[in-house]
């Protein structure tokens, strides 16, 4: 799954007011990945580049999804999955897909 820079930038723009004032904590970004996924590093780099360009503070955390049970528990829909301030950058339609592992 390719991470779409435009989608990440859009979600960061929407979350930017949360990080716009001094002393406000950075926007939380979680990159979920399966063990064999090689694209998660690109996803992290894309998030950081978009945040830099938009002048938005972010805190990026990478979470390795270990098995299908964990994938179901967190509604993991593919690797990598990028969640910004609790919103999956793939949009609400991703919630309609069944959880997957890989």
C-alpha atoms as a PDB file:
ATOM      1  CA  UNK A   1       0.000   0.000   0.000  1.00  0.00           C
ATOM      2  CA  UNK A   2       1.470   3.335  -1.026  1.00  0.00           C
ATOM      3  CA  UNK A   3       1.106   6.137   1.474  1.00  0.00           C
ATOM      4  CA  UNK A   4      -0.483   9.140  -0.180  1.00  0.00           C
ATOM      5  CA  UNK A   5       1.339  12.372   0.652  1.00  0.00           C
ATOM      6  CA  UNK A   6      -1.690  14.521  -0.180  1.00  0.00           C
ATOM      7  CA  UNK A   7      -3.944  12.608   2.190  1.00  0.00           C
ATOM      8  CA  UNK A   8      -1.419  12.840   5.027  1.00  0.00           C
ATOM      9  CA  UNK A   9      -0.959  16.563   4.393  1.00  0.00           C
ATOM     10  CA  UNK A  10      -4.738  17.089   4.427  1.00  0.00           C
ATOM     11  CA  UNK A  11      -5.182  15.266   7.721  1.00  0.00           C
ATOM     12  CA  UNK A  12      -2.260  17.186   9.244  1.00  0.00           C
ATOM     13  CA  UNK A  13      -3.839  20.467   8.114  1.00  0.00           C
ATOM     14  CA  UNK A  14      -7.073  19.466   9.816  1.00  0.00           C
ATOM     15  CA  UNK A  15      -5.176  18.530  12.969  1.00  0.00           C
ATOM     16  CA  UNK A  16      -2.899  21.601  12.845  1.00  0.00           C
ATOM     17  CA  UNK A  17      -5.112  23.790  15.066  1.00  0.00           C
ATOM     18  CA  UNK A  18      -4.422  21.262  17.814  1.00  0.00           C
ATOM     19  CA  UNK A  19      -0.697  22.018  17.567  1.00  0.00           C
ATOM     20  CA  UNK A  20      -0.869  25.684  16.601  1.00  0.00           C
ATOM     21  CA  UNK A  21      -0.485  27.336  19.982  1.00  0.00           C
ATOM     22  CA  UNK A  22       2.710  27.520  21.990  1.00  0.00           C
ATOM     23  CA  UNK A  23       2.993  24.822  24.609  1.00  0.00           C
ATOM     24  CA  UNK A  24       0.430  22.613  22.883  1.00  0.00           C
ATOM     25  CA  UNK A  25       1.562  19.008  22.532  1.00  0.00           C
ATOM     26  CA  UNK A  26       2.402  17.759  19.044  1.00  0.00           C
ATOM     27  CA  UNK A  27      -0.141  15.958  16.871  1.00  0.00           C
ATOM     28  CA  UNK A  28       0.005  12.230  17.584  1.00  0.00           C
ATOM     29  CA  UNK A  29       0.731  10.088  14.520  1.00  0.00           C
ATOM     30  CA  UNK A  30       0.828   6.297  14.669  1.00  0.00           C
ATOM     31  CA  UNK A  31       2.217   4.238  11.819  1.00  0.00           C
ATOM     32  CA  UNK A  32       0.993   0.655  12.174  1.00  0.00           C
ATOM     33  CA  UNK A  33       3.005  -1.959  10.296  1.00  0.00           C
ATOM     34  CA  UNK A  34       3.151  -5.697   9.766  1.00  0.00           C
ATOM     35  CA  UNK A  35       6.439  -7.490  10.320  1.00  0.00           C
ATOM     36  CA  UNK A  36       7.305  -7.951   6.662  1.00  0.00           C
ATOM     37  CA  UNK A  37       6.252  -4.483   5.488  1.00  0.00           C
ATOM     38  CA  UNK A  38       9.053  -2.535   3.902  1.00  0.00           C
ATOM     39  CA  UNK A  39       6.987   0.608   3.247  1.00  0.00           C
ATOM     40  CA  UNK A  40       6.602   1.777   6.831  1.00  0.00           C
ATOM     41  CA  UNK A  41       9.860   3.767   6.733  1.00  0.00           C
ATOM     42  CA  UNK A  42       8.575   5.653   3.679  1.00  0.00           C
ATOM     43  CA  UNK A  43       5.333   6.338   5.544  1.00  0.00           C
ATOM     44  CA  UNK A  44       7.227   7.814   8.514  1.00  0.00           C
ATOM     45  CA  UNK A  45       9.388   9.940   6.199  1.00  0.00           C
ATOM     46  CA  UNK A  46       6.287  11.186   4.364  1.00  0.00           C
ATOM     47  CA  UNK A  47       4.553  12.150   7.610  1.00  0.00           C
ATOM     48  CA  UNK A  48       7.637  14.017   8.838  1.00  0.00           C
ATOM     49  CA  UNK A  49       8.124  15.797   5.491  1.00  0.00           C
ATOM     50  CA  UNK A  50       4.463  16.876   5.357  1.00  0.00           C
ATOM     51  CA  UNK A  51       4.617  18.105   8.962  1.00  0.00           C
ATOM     52  CA  UNK A  52       7.792  20.075   8.260  1.00  0.00           C
ATOM     53  CA  UNK A  53       6.295  21.663   5.152  1.00  0.00           C
ATOM     54  CA  UNK A  54       3.122  22.595   7.033  1.00  0.00           C
ATOM     55  CA  UNK A  55       5.031  23.689  10.160  1.00  0.00           C
ATOM     56  CA  UNK A  56       3.032  21.277  12.324  1.00  0.00           C
ATOM     57  CA  UNK A  57       4.606  19.580  15.330  1.00  0.00           C
ATOM     58  CA  UNK A  58       4.128  15.816  15.259  1.00  0.00           C
ATOM     59  CA  UNK A  59       5.068  12.887  17.435  1.00  0.00           C
ATOM     60  CA  UNK A  60       5.392   9.764  15.286  1.00  0.00           C
ATOM     61  CA  UNK A  61       5.129   6.334  16.871  1.00  0.00           C
ATOM     62  CA  UNK A  62       5.628   3.085  14.949  1.00  0.00           C
ATOM     63  CA  UNK A  63       3.632   0.075  16.152  1.00  0.00           C
ATOM     64  CA  UNK A  64       4.376  -3.409  14.859  1.00  0.00           C
ATOM     65  CA  UNK A  65       1.205  -5.485  14.526  1.00  0.00           C
ATOM     66  CA  UNK A  66       2.260  -9.006  15.463  1.00  0.00           C
ATOM     67  CA  UNK A  67      -0.658 -11.221  14.428  1.00  0.00           C
ATOM     68  CA  UNK A  68      -4.209 -11.334  13.067  1.00  0.00           C
ATOM     69  CA  UNK A  69      -5.730 -11.210  16.557  1.00  0.00           C
ATOM     70  CA  UNK A  70      -3.963  -7.935  17.290  1.00  0.00           C
ATOM     71  CA  UNK A  71      -4.925  -6.670  13.809  1.00  0.00           C
ATOM     72  CA  UNK A  72      -8.608  -7.313  14.570  1.00  0.00           C
ATOM     73  CA  UNK A  73      -8.332  -5.719  18.007  1.00  0.00           C
ATOM     74  CA  UNK A  74      -6.975  -2.429  16.624  1.00  0.00           C
ATOM     75  CA  UNK A  75      -8.880  -2.536  13.303  1.00  0.00           C
ATOM     76  CA  UNK A  76      -5.668  -2.834  11.301  1.00  0.00           C
ATOM     77  CA  UNK A  77      -6.490  -2.812   7.594  1.00  0.00           C
ATOM     78  CA  UNK A  78      -3.110  -3.118   5.900  1.00  0.00           C
ATOM     79  CA  UNK A  79       0.505  -2.172   6.185  1.00  0.00           C
ATOM     80  CA  UNK A  80       1.440   0.516   6.624  1.00  0.00           C
ATOM     81  CA  UNK A  81      -1.566   2.266   8.147  1.00  0.00           C
ATOM     82  CA  UNK A  82      -1.146   5.898   9.170  1.00  0.00           C
ATOM     83  CA  UNK A  83      -3.382   7.329  11.876  1.00  0.00           C
ATOM     84  CA  UNK A  84      -3.200  11.089  12.570  1.00  0.00           C
ATOM     85  CA  UNK A  85      -4.845  12.368  15.748  1.00  0.00           C
ATOM     86  CA  UNK A  86      -6.976   9.219  15.816  1.00  0.00           C
ATOM     87  CA  UNK A  87      -8.032   9.464  12.146  1.00  0.00           C
ATOM     88  CA  UNK A  88      -6.915   6.870   9.595  1.00  0.00           C
ATOM     89  CA  UNK A  89      -5.572   8.794   6.589  1.00  0.00           C
ATOM     90  CA  UNK A  90      -7.247   6.316   4.255  1.00  0.00           C
ATOM     91  CA  UNK A  91     -10.598   7.784   5.302  1.00  0.00           C
ATOM     92  CA  UNK A  92     -13.780   6.373   6.814  1.00  0.00           C
ATOM     93  CA  UNK A  93     -14.221   3.758   4.084  1.00  0.00           C
ATOM     94  CA  UNK A  94     -11.254   1.845   5.520  1.00  0.00           C
ATOM     95  CA  UNK A  95     -13.393   0.975   8.551  1.00  0.00           C
ATOM     96  CA  UNK A  96     -15.699  -0.966   6.245  1.00  0.00           C
ATOM     97  CA  UNK A  97     -12.889  -3.324   5.220  1.00  0.00           C
ATOM     98  CA  UNK A  98     -12.192  -6.395   7.270  1.00  0.00           C
ATOM     99  CA  UNK A  99      -9.068  -6.374   9.371  1.00  0.00           C
ATOM    100  CA  UNK A 100      -6.058  -7.916   7.728  1.00  0.00           C
ATOM    101  CA  UNK A 101      -2.549  -8.849   8.630  1.00  0.00           C
ATOM    102  CA  UNK A 102       0.096  -7.937   6.103  1.00  0.00           C
END
